[in-house]
Every structure is written in structure tokens, then in C-alpha cells.
Amino acid sequence: MSPLPEQLIDRWRDGYGAADPAKGTLYWHILLGNNSPFRNIVLAAQDRLSGFSGLHMTPLQWLHITVLIAGPAGHISSQAISEMLETAQLSISDIGPIEVEFSRVIYHAEGIVLAAHPFEVLSPIREAAQTATRAVMGHDGLSERSSPIWTPHVTLCYSTSIQPAGPIIGALGKNLPRCRVAIEGFDLVIQRGSEWLWNWSSVGAVSITGQLDLQTINASRIFDSFLSPHNPISYGRCRPRRPGTARPW
């Protein structure tokens, strides 16, 4: 992800990211949307990019580091979800908060991201997610298409059109004001439907501070509701418009 691209392309050009709303995908994410200083840094960066069309901004609510794609949600029970969360918790309990810094902007043909530094300190989280996924799903999980080698980052925006990268790089630059963030846990998240809808719900959290943050009963209830065709639980969804239209908030 290091060389600067000459142009940006449409991330969803070939149908990538499209999905049936009735189906879901399980992700391990580090959710950062509740960190006010970090949100402010991201909001300022997104404002600097707001004059460019063809950029789909990540909603502040769902700022995240993708740890691992666990796989399809439709063929897994709520009991298996609880087992996955418990296995991850046992794999990583009591290592204490992990601190990372965000400043460096990385440009990719499909989007613009903030790199987490030093990324190596997040390896225990990745390993715990892989251990839990392997135990329940039978595989080590999947990586993102744009990042086959895990490079922890937070996506500021996704590209939804072909356009020169130079003016965008000139507007945002290669570094933002430094922001240190304490990571205290990570979540197992269901994404329903297409990527750009941001129809997400956390079904459980794993703490790395030694304080168990896993509520198995609640996780099972939410997951069972997800599987229900009536889907009675409201998840507080954030629904931006279709890519390439207006900013999503």
C-alpha cells in the first residue's frame, strides 16, 4: 500500500462488496467510532476531501480497523458465535490496553487510509481472532481484497470513480496531526447487505484489559434476531446514500 497511485478507481466496479440484504458476513473489527479525539481528526480530514466527487466517506460511527473476515454468518448458530467470542477472550485476556498512533496517510487505488503505528503491537488481537475463527469456522479467516497482507489501518474513504490521485493527495497530504489511541478490545460484527450500506451490528466484544466484556446471552439474542426473517431488533444503523452521491452524514 506504500507507492502513491496515479489514479483512483471504483472499489465496487465489478460488483465487489454487493450482497443480499438477507445474508451477512462476520468480521472481527476494532471499533474506534467512540473515540472523540480520533473522530475529530478523521472529520477534519474528510472535510478537506469533501470537494472531490467519487469519494465515499466512512461514517464516523463505524470507524474501524478490520482484523479479520471470519466468513458467512448465515450458516453459523448463536451458540457457535458465543463459542467464538469465548475462545477469543481466553486467547487474549489481561494483556492490557494497546496504544497505537495514527498520522500517516496511505493512498490506495480503492481508498485513502490512516495507518496504525506500530502495527506489530496489534498482532495479539489478530492471532486471537484467527484462533477463535479456526476453532469454530474451521479456517484462519480471510483478508481484505485490497490488503492481502494484514496492514492495520482505518479507512477514511473509499473511491467510487476513476479520477487522478494527484489533486486529492495535494489536498490532504501525507500526514495528519498525530493522534494516539488506546485499544481496549475488539468486536465480532455482522455486516448485512452491501458494503456501502454500513448495516452493521456488533454481536459481542472481547476485552484485552482483563475485564470480561462478553455478554453471551445478549450476543445470542441479537444473532438469533439477525437470522429471523422479521428481524425485530433495531441496531441503530447508519445508512449513507449509494456511493458516488452525497456525503453519508
C-alpha atoms as a PDB file:
ATOM      1  CA  MET A   1       0.000   0.000   0.000  1.00  0.00           C
ATOM      2  CA  SER A   2       3.025   2.312   0.040  1.00  0.00           C
ATOM      3  CA  PRO A   3       3.536   3.577  -3.586  1.00  0.00           C
ATOM      4  CA  LEU A   4       1.364   6.563  -4.449  1.00  0.00           C
ATOM      5  CA  PRO A   5      -1.232   5.685  -7.090  1.00  0.00           C
ATOM      6  CA  GLU A   6      -1.539   7.804 -10.213  1.00  0.00           C
ATOM      7  CA  GLN A   7      -5.297   7.435 -10.209  1.00  0.00           C
ATOM      8  CA  LEU A   8      -8.128   6.187  -8.058  1.00  0.00           C
ATOM      9  CA  ILE A   9     -10.597   3.591  -9.288  1.00  0.00           C
ATOM     10  CA  ASP A  10     -14.083   2.423  -8.343  1.00  0.00           C
ATOM     11  CA  ARG A  11     -13.804  -0.017  -5.429  1.00  0.00           C
ATOM     12  CA  TRP A  12     -17.181  -1.524  -6.288  1.00  0.00           C
ATOM     13  CA  ARG A  13     -16.695  -1.536 -10.075  1.00  0.00           C
ATOM     14  CA  ASP A  14     -17.026  -5.314 -10.526  1.00  0.00           C
ATOM     15  CA  GLY A  15     -19.790  -5.960  -8.036  1.00  0.00           C
ATOM     16  CA  TYR A  16     -17.338  -6.398  -5.169  1.00  0.00           C
ATOM     17  CA  GLY A  17     -18.961  -5.556  -1.867  1.00  0.00           C
ATOM     18  CA  ALA A  18     -22.515  -6.176  -3.096  1.00  0.00           C
ATOM     19  CA  ALA A  19     -24.519  -8.667  -1.062  1.00  0.00           C
ATOM     20  CA  ASP A  20     -28.027  -9.924  -0.412  1.00  0.00           C
ATOM     21  CA  PRO A  21     -29.541  -7.917   2.497  1.00  0.00           C
ATOM     22  CA  ALA A  22     -30.892 -11.183   3.919  1.00  0.00           C
ATOM     23  CA  LYS A  23     -27.365 -12.565   4.257  1.00  0.00           C
ATOM     24  CA  GLY A  24     -24.485 -11.402   6.395  1.00  0.00           C
ATOM     25  CA  THR A  25     -20.747 -11.605   6.828  1.00  0.00           C
ATOM     26  CA  LEU A  26     -18.905 -11.900  10.130  1.00  0.00           C
ATOM     27  CA  TYR A  27     -15.956  -9.577  10.704  1.00  0.00           C
ATOM     28  CA  TRP A  28     -13.564  -9.056  13.571  1.00  0.00           C
ATOM     29  CA  HIS A  29     -13.185  -5.278  13.898  1.00  0.00           C
ATOM     30  CA  ILE A  30     -11.521  -2.861  16.290  1.00  0.00           C
ATOM     31  CA  LEU A  31     -14.225  -0.208  16.561  1.00  0.00           C
ATOM     32  CA  LEU A  32     -12.972   3.346  17.081  1.00  0.00           C
ATOM     33  CA  GLY A  33     -16.077   5.456  16.486  1.00  0.00           C
ATOM     34  CA  ASN A  34     -16.478   6.309  20.176  1.00  0.00           C
ATOM     35  CA  ASN A  35     -13.021   7.881  20.466  1.00  0.00           C
ATOM     36  CA  SER A  36     -13.734  11.628  20.259  1.00  0.00           C
ATOM     37  CA  PRO A  37     -10.185  12.899  19.535  1.00  0.00           C
ATOM     38  CA  PHE A  38      -9.798  10.356  16.755  1.00  0.00           C
ATOM     39  CA  ARG A  39     -13.225  11.168  15.317  1.00  0.00           C
ATOM     40  CA  ASN A  40     -12.251  14.837  15.196  1.00  0.00           C
ATOM     41  CA  ILE A  41      -9.044  14.071  13.283  1.00  0.00           C
ATOM     42  CA  VAL A  42     -10.956  11.949  10.786  1.00  0.00           C
ATOM     43  CA  LEU A  43     -13.753  14.500  10.402  1.00  0.00           C
ATOM     44  CA  ALA A  44     -11.238  17.249   9.630  1.00  0.00           C
ATOM     45  CA  ALA A  45      -9.592  15.034   7.000  1.00  0.00           C
ATOM     46  CA  GLN A  46     -12.915  14.120   5.425  1.00  0.00           C
ATOM     47  CA  ASP A  47     -13.881  17.779   5.294  1.00  0.00           C
ATOM     48  CA  ARG A  48     -10.713  18.504   3.314  1.00  0.00           C
ATOM     49  CA  LEU A  49     -11.775  15.831   0.833  1.00  0.00           C
ATOM     50  CA  SER A  50     -15.420  16.889   0.607  1.00  0.00           C
ATOM     51  CA  GLY A  51     -14.840  18.929  -2.542  1.00  0.00           C
ATOM     52  CA  PHE A  52     -13.960  15.831  -4.545  1.00  0.00           C
ATOM     53  CA  SER A  53     -16.690  13.700  -6.071  1.00  0.00           C
ATOM     54  CA  GLY A  54     -16.388   9.936  -6.203  1.00  0.00           C
ATOM     55  CA  LEU A  55     -15.292   9.501  -2.594  1.00  0.00           C
ATOM     56  CA  HIS A  56     -17.491   7.528  -0.178  1.00  0.00           C
ATOM     57  CA  MET A  57     -16.677   8.620   3.380  1.00  0.00           C
ATOM     58  CA  THR A  58     -16.597   6.100   6.191  1.00  0.00           C
ATOM     59  CA  PRO A  59     -19.326   7.056   8.701  1.00  0.00           C
ATOM     60  CA  LEU A  60     -17.744   8.286  11.940  1.00  0.00           C
ATOM     61  CA  GLN A  61     -19.884   5.804  13.879  1.00  0.00           C
ATOM     62  CA  TRP A  62     -18.151   2.899  12.157  1.00  0.00           C
ATOM     63  CA  LEU A  63     -14.520   3.960  12.084  1.00  0.00           C
ATOM     64  CA  HIS A  64     -12.640   0.703  12.457  1.00  0.00           C
ATOM     65  CA  ILE A  65      -9.599  -1.454  11.919  1.00  0.00           C
ATOM     66  CA  THR A  66     -10.528  -4.667  10.133  1.00  0.00           C
ATOM     67  CA  VAL A  67      -8.803  -7.513  11.954  1.00  0.00           C
ATOM     68  CA  LEU A  68     -10.176 -10.485  10.031  1.00  0.00           C
ATOM     69  CA  ILE A  69     -13.093 -11.634   7.892  1.00  0.00           C
ATOM     70  CA  ALA A  70     -14.481 -14.642   9.751  1.00  0.00           C
ATOM     71  CA  GLY A  71     -16.847 -15.751   6.973  1.00  0.00           C
ATOM     72  CA  PRO A  72     -20.569 -16.025   6.133  1.00  0.00           C
ATOM     73  CA  ALA A  73     -22.973 -15.523   9.010  1.00  0.00           C
ATOM     74  CA  GLY A  74     -25.886 -17.473   7.571  1.00  0.00           C
ATOM     75  CA  HIS A  75     -24.572 -20.948   8.385  1.00  0.00           C
ATOM     76  CA  ILE A  76     -23.453 -20.425  11.969  1.00  0.00           C
ATOM     77  CA  SER A  77     -25.525 -20.727  15.152  1.00  0.00           C
ATOM     78  CA  SER A  78     -25.716 -18.317  18.064  1.00  0.00           C
ATOM     79  CA  GLN A  79     -24.023 -20.986  20.188  1.00  0.00           C
ATOM     80  CA  ALA A  80     -21.094 -21.040  17.772  1.00  0.00           C
ATOM     81  CA  ILE A  81     -20.926 -17.237  17.900  1.00  0.00           C
ATOM     82  CA  SER A  82     -20.690 -17.388  21.689  1.00  0.00           C
ATOM     83  CA  GLU A  83     -18.011 -20.063  21.447  1.00  0.00           C
ATOM     84  CA  MET A  84     -16.029 -17.923  19.036  1.00  0.00           C
ATOM     85  CA  LEU A  85     -16.178 -14.923  21.374  1.00  0.00           C
ATOM     86  CA  GLU A  86     -15.222 -17.011  24.398  1.00  0.00           C
ATOM     87  CA  THR A  87     -12.288 -18.584  22.568  1.00  0.00           C
ATOM     88  CA  ALA A  88     -11.003 -15.178  21.516  1.00  0.00           C
ATOM     89  CA  GLN A  89     -11.389 -13.873  25.064  1.00  0.00           C
ATOM     90  CA  LEU A  90      -9.438 -16.775  26.548  1.00  0.00           C
ATOM     91  CA  SER A  91      -6.718 -16.291  23.936  1.00  0.00           C
ATOM     92  CA  ILE A  92      -6.010 -12.690  24.822  1.00  0.00           C
ATOM     93  CA  SER A  93      -7.192 -11.920  28.367  1.00  0.00           C
ATOM     94  CA  ASP A  94      -5.291  -9.444  30.513  1.00  0.00           C
ATOM     95  CA  ILE A  95      -2.634  -8.159  28.146  1.00  0.00           C
ATOM     96  CA  GLY A  96      -3.618  -4.580  28.928  1.00  0.00           C
ATOM     97  CA  PRO A  97      -4.587  -1.725  26.582  1.00  0.00           C
ATOM     98  CA  ILE A  98      -2.573  -1.432  23.370  1.00  0.00           C
ATOM     99  CA  GLU A  99      -1.641   2.068  22.248  1.00  0.00           C
ATOM    100  CA  VAL A 100      -1.234   2.959  18.587  1.00  0.00           C
ATOM    101  CA  GLU A 101      -0.701   6.223  16.775  1.00  0.00           C
ATOM    102  CA  PHE A 102      -2.448   7.496  13.673  1.00  0.00           C
ATOM    103  CA  SER A 103      -0.841  10.129  11.480  1.00  0.00           C
ATOM    104  CA  ARG A 104       0.459   8.668   8.228  1.00  0.00           C
ATOM    105  CA  VAL A 105      -1.940   8.797   5.281  1.00  0.00           C
ATOM    106  CA  ILE A 106      -1.698   5.942   2.799  1.00  0.00           C
ATOM    107  CA  TYR A 107      -3.226   6.209  -0.663  1.00  0.00           C
ATOM    108  CA  HIS A 108      -4.548   3.114  -2.375  1.00  0.00           C
ATOM    109  CA  ALA A 109      -6.302   2.963  -5.735  1.00  0.00           C
ATOM    110  CA  GLU A 110      -9.508   1.944  -3.945  1.00  0.00           C
ATOM    111  CA  GLY A 111      -9.361   4.306  -0.996  1.00  0.00           C
ATOM    112  CA  ILE A 112      -7.495   6.502   1.470  1.00  0.00           C
ATOM    113  CA  VAL A 113      -6.495   5.167   4.872  1.00  0.00           C
ATOM    114  CA  LEU A 114      -4.706   6.079   8.091  1.00  0.00           C
ATOM    115  CA  ALA A 115      -2.000   3.596   9.079  1.00  0.00           C
ATOM    116  CA  ALA A 116      -1.835   2.294  12.657  1.00  0.00           C
ATOM    117  CA  HIS A 117       1.681   2.555  14.111  1.00  0.00           C
ATOM    118  CA  PRO A 118       3.351   0.474  15.349  1.00  0.00           C
ATOM    119  CA  PHE A 119       1.194  -2.171  13.718  1.00  0.00           C
ATOM    120  CA  GLU A 120       3.084  -5.058  15.332  1.00  0.00           C
ATOM    121  CA  VAL A 121       1.516  -4.382  18.732  1.00  0.00           C
ATOM    122  CA  LEU A 122      -1.870  -5.356  17.293  1.00  0.00           C
ATOM    123  CA  SER A 123      -0.669  -8.854  16.336  1.00  0.00           C
ATOM    124  CA  PRO A 124      -2.079 -10.488  19.534  1.00  0.00           C
ATOM    125  CA  ILE A 125      -5.551  -9.302  18.514  1.00  0.00           C
ATOM    126  CA  ARG A 126      -5.163 -10.724  15.030  1.00  0.00           C
ATOM    127  CA  GLU A 127      -3.882 -14.025  16.441  1.00  0.00           C
ATOM    128  CA  ALA A 128      -6.770 -14.294  18.925  1.00  0.00           C
ATOM    129  CA  ALA A 129      -9.291 -13.664  16.131  1.00  0.00           C
ATOM    130  CA  GLN A 130      -7.633 -16.321  13.961  1.00  0.00           C
ATOM    131  CA  THR A 131      -7.586 -18.817  16.836  1.00  0.00           C
ATOM    132  CA  ALA A 132     -11.283 -18.303  17.528  1.00  0.00           C
ATOM    133  CA  THR A 133     -12.222 -18.421  13.844  1.00  0.00           C
ATOM    134  CA  ARG A 134     -10.212 -21.590  13.287  1.00  0.00           C
ATOM    135  CA  ALA A 135     -11.811 -23.290  16.298  1.00  0.00           C
ATOM    136  CA  VAL A 136     -15.370 -22.611  15.149  1.00  0.00           C
ATOM    137  CA  MET A 137     -15.275 -21.984  11.398  1.00  0.00           C
ATOM    138  CA  GLY A 138     -12.504 -24.452  10.561  1.00  0.00           C
ATOM    139  CA  HIS A 139     -10.238 -21.927   8.837  1.00  0.00           C
ATOM    140  CA  ASP A 140      -7.996 -18.975   9.758  1.00  0.00           C
ATOM    141  CA  GLY A 141     -10.266 -16.335   8.270  1.00  0.00           C
ATOM    142  CA  LEU A 142      -9.870 -14.156   5.197  1.00  0.00           C
ATOM    143  CA  SER A 143      -8.079 -10.905   4.440  1.00  0.00           C
ATOM    144  CA  GLU A 144      -9.463  -7.901   2.578  1.00  0.00           C
ATOM    145  CA  ARG A 145      -9.077  -7.938  -1.182  1.00  0.00           C
ATOM    146  CA  SER A 146      -7.158  -4.658  -1.189  1.00  0.00           C
ATOM    147  CA  SER A 147      -4.814  -5.778   1.619  1.00  0.00           C
ATOM    148  CA  PRO A 148      -3.878  -9.468   1.274  1.00  0.00           C
ATOM    149  CA  ILE A 149      -1.076  -8.844   3.791  1.00  0.00           C
ATOM    150  CA  TRP A 150      -2.582  -7.535   7.019  1.00  0.00           C
ATOM    151  CA  THR A 151      -1.758  -3.852   7.368  1.00  0.00           C
ATOM    152  CA  PRO A 152      -3.820  -2.401  10.249  1.00  0.00           C
ATOM    153  CA  HIS A 153      -5.461   0.826   9.133  1.00  0.00           C
ATOM    154  CA  VAL A 154      -8.592   2.936   9.342  1.00  0.00           C
ATOM    155  CA  THR A 155     -10.232   3.821   6.030  1.00  0.00           C
ATOM    156  CA  LEU A 156     -11.099   7.496   5.682  1.00  0.00           C
ATOM    157  CA  CYS A 157     -12.955   6.988   2.419  1.00  0.00           C
ATOM    158  CA  TYR A 158     -13.453   4.594  -0.472  1.00  0.00           C
ATOM    159  CA  SER A 159     -13.101   5.583  -4.109  1.00  0.00           C
ATOM    160  CA  THR A 160     -16.193   5.161  -6.249  1.00  0.00           C
ATOM    161  CA  SER A 161     -14.914   6.547  -9.550  1.00  0.00           C
ATOM    162  CA  ILE A 162     -11.856   6.843 -11.761  1.00  0.00           C
ATOM    163  CA  GLN A 163     -10.039  10.117 -11.189  1.00  0.00           C
ATOM    164  CA  PRO A 164      -6.475  11.453 -10.895  1.00  0.00           C
ATOM    165  CA  ALA A 165      -4.966  10.907  -7.451  1.00  0.00           C
ATOM    166  CA  GLY A 166      -2.638  13.934  -7.550  1.00  0.00           C
ATOM    167  CA  PRO A 167      -5.136  16.674  -6.638  1.00  0.00           C
ATOM    168  CA  ILE A 168      -6.533  14.561  -3.802  1.00  0.00           C
ATOM    169  CA  ILE A 169      -3.058  13.829  -2.414  1.00  0.00           C
ATOM    170  CA  GLY A 170      -2.254  17.527  -2.680  1.00  0.00           C
ATOM    171  CA  ALA A 171      -5.382  18.474  -0.725  1.00  0.00           C
ATOM    172  CA  LEU A 172      -4.906  16.032   2.138  1.00  0.00           C
ATOM    173  CA  GLY A 173      -1.159  15.484   2.267  1.00  0.00           C
ATOM    174  CA  LYS A 174       0.779  12.528   3.615  1.00  0.00           C
ATOM    175  CA  ASN A 175       0.389  13.133   7.350  1.00  0.00           C
ATOM    176  CA  LEU A 176      -2.345  14.298   9.698  1.00  0.00           C
ATOM    177  CA  PRO A 177      -1.874  15.621  13.256  1.00  0.00           C
ATOM    178  CA  ARG A 178      -0.741  12.752  15.447  1.00  0.00           C
ATOM    179  CA  CYS A 179      -3.445  11.018  17.452  1.00  0.00           C
ATOM    180  CA  ARG A 180      -2.689   8.281  19.991  1.00  0.00           C
ATOM    181  CA  VAL A 181      -5.467   5.790  20.658  1.00  0.00           C
ATOM    182  CA  ALA A 182      -5.709   3.175  23.398  1.00  0.00           C
ATOM    183  CA  ILE A 183      -7.172  -0.092  22.101  1.00  0.00           C
ATOM    184  CA  GLU A 184      -9.036  -1.943  24.854  1.00  0.00           C
ATOM    185  CA  GLY A 185     -10.819  -4.618  22.872  1.00  0.00           C
ATOM    186  CA  PHE A 186     -12.304  -5.755  19.580  1.00  0.00           C
ATOM    187  CA  ASP A 187     -15.730  -6.803  18.315  1.00  0.00           C
ATOM    188  CA  LEU A 188     -17.343  -9.523  16.273  1.00  0.00           C
ATOM    189  CA  VAL A 189     -19.549  -7.637  13.820  1.00  0.00           C
ATOM    190  CA  ILE A 190     -22.212  -8.738  11.361  1.00  0.00           C
ATOM    191  CA  GLN A 191     -22.372  -6.766   8.135  1.00  0.00           C
ATOM    192  CA  ARG A 192     -25.720  -7.193   6.417  1.00  0.00           C
ATOM    193  CA  GLY A 193     -26.093  -6.460   2.743  1.00  0.00           C
ATOM    194  CA  SER A 194     -23.741  -4.422   0.597  1.00  0.00           C
ATOM    195  CA  GLU A 195     -20.601  -2.745   1.945  1.00  0.00           C
ATOM    196  CA  TRP A 196     -21.732   0.798   1.236  1.00  0.00           C
ATOM    197  CA  LEU A 197     -24.909   0.493   3.336  1.00  0.00           C
ATOM    198  CA  TRP A 198     -22.973   0.214   6.626  1.00  0.00           C
ATOM    199  CA  ASN A 199     -25.678  -2.027   8.055  1.00  0.00           C
ATOM    200  CA  TRP A 200     -23.571  -3.313  10.920  1.00  0.00           C
ATOM    201  CA  SER A 201     -24.257  -4.817  14.321  1.00  0.00           C
ATOM    202  CA  SER A 202     -21.785  -5.931  16.973  1.00  0.00           C
ATOM    203  CA  VAL A 203     -22.782  -9.306  18.421  1.00  0.00           C
ATOM    204  CA  GLY A 204     -20.107  -9.360  21.108  1.00  0.00           C
ATOM    205  CA  ALA A 205     -16.939  -7.690  22.328  1.00  0.00           C
ATOM    206  CA  VAL A 206     -13.641  -9.138  23.513  1.00  0.00           C
ATOM    207  CA  SER A 207     -11.718  -7.224  26.179  1.00  0.00           C
ATOM    208  CA  ILE A 208      -7.915  -7.171  26.284  1.00  0.00           C
ATOM    209  CA  THR A 209      -7.739  -5.392  29.658  1.00  0.00           C
ATOM    210  CA  GLY A 210      -8.607  -8.359  31.854  1.00  0.00           C
ATOM    211  CA  GLN A 211     -12.212  -7.220  32.404  1.00  0.00           C
ATOM    212  CA  LEU A 212     -14.596  -9.590  30.661  1.00  0.00           C
ATOM    213  CA  ASP A 213     -16.817  -7.667  28.260  1.00  0.00           C
ATOM    214  CA  LEU A 214     -18.561 -10.671  26.798  1.00  0.00           C
ATOM    215  CA  GLN A 215     -22.337 -10.935  27.246  1.00  0.00           C
ATOM    216  CA  THR A 216     -23.195 -14.306  25.764  1.00  0.00           C
ATOM    217  CA  ILE A 217     -26.935 -14.058  26.338  1.00  0.00           C
ATOM    218  CA  ASN A 218     -27.179 -10.698  24.609  1.00  0.00           C
ATOM    219  CA  ALA A 219     -24.941 -11.855  21.768  1.00  0.00           C
ATOM    220  CA  SER A 220     -27.136 -14.899  21.188  1.00  0.00           C
ATOM    221  CA  ARG A 221     -30.302 -12.793  21.284  1.00  0.00           C
ATOM    222  CA  ILE A 222     -29.011 -10.324  18.716  1.00  0.00           C
ATOM    223  CA  PHE A 223     -27.675 -13.049  16.464  1.00  0.00           C
ATOM    224  CA  ASP A 224     -30.912 -15.060  16.622  1.00  0.00           C
ATOM    225  CA  SER A 225     -32.770 -11.884  15.674  1.00  0.00           C
ATOM    226  CA  PHE A 226     -30.446 -11.395  12.718  1.00  0.00           C
ATOM    227  CA  LEU A 227     -31.335 -14.875  11.479  1.00  0.00           C
ATOM    228  CA  SER A 228     -35.055 -14.184  11.881  1.00  0.00           C
ATOM    229  CA  PRO A 229     -36.826 -13.054   8.702  1.00  0.00           C
ATOM    230  CA  HIS A 230     -38.739 -10.482  10.776  1.00  0.00           C
ATOM    231  CA  ASN A 231     -35.560  -9.066  12.315  1.00  0.00           C
ATOM    232  CA  PRO A 232     -37.317  -7.307  15.251  1.00  0.00           C
ATOM    233  CA  ILE A 233     -34.256  -5.697  16.858  1.00  0.00           C
ATOM    234  CA  SER A 234     -33.135  -2.247  15.777  1.00  0.00           C
ATOM    235  CA  TYR A 235     -29.365  -1.984  15.564  1.00  0.00           C
ATOM    236  CA  GLY A 236     -29.051   1.797  15.343  1.00  0.00           C
ATOM    237  CA  ARG A 237     -27.869   1.527  11.752  1.00  0.00           C
ATOM    238  CA  CYS A 238     -26.042   4.199   9.855  1.00  0.00           C
ATOM    239  CA  ARG A 239     -27.182   4.263   6.232  1.00  0.00           C
ATOM    240  CA  PRO A 240     -25.295   6.559   3.875  1.00  0.00           C
ATOM    241  CA  ARG A 241     -26.522   7.073   0.356  1.00  0.00           C
ATOM    242  CA  ARG A 242     -25.376   4.964  -2.537  1.00  0.00           C
ATOM    243  CA  PRO A 243     -21.688   5.518  -3.419  1.00  0.00           C
ATOM    244  CA  GLY A 244     -20.933   8.476  -5.615  1.00  0.00           C
ATOM    245  CA  THR A 245     -23.822  10.629  -4.370  1.00  0.00           C
ATOM    246  CA  ALA A 246     -23.775  12.782  -1.252  1.00  0.00           C
ATOM    247  CA  ARG A 247     -21.637  12.524   1.867  1.00  0.00           C
ATOM    248  CA  PRO A 248     -23.066   9.953   4.299  1.00  0.00           C
ATOM    249  CA  TRP A 249     -23.944  12.211   7.214  1.00  0.00           C
END
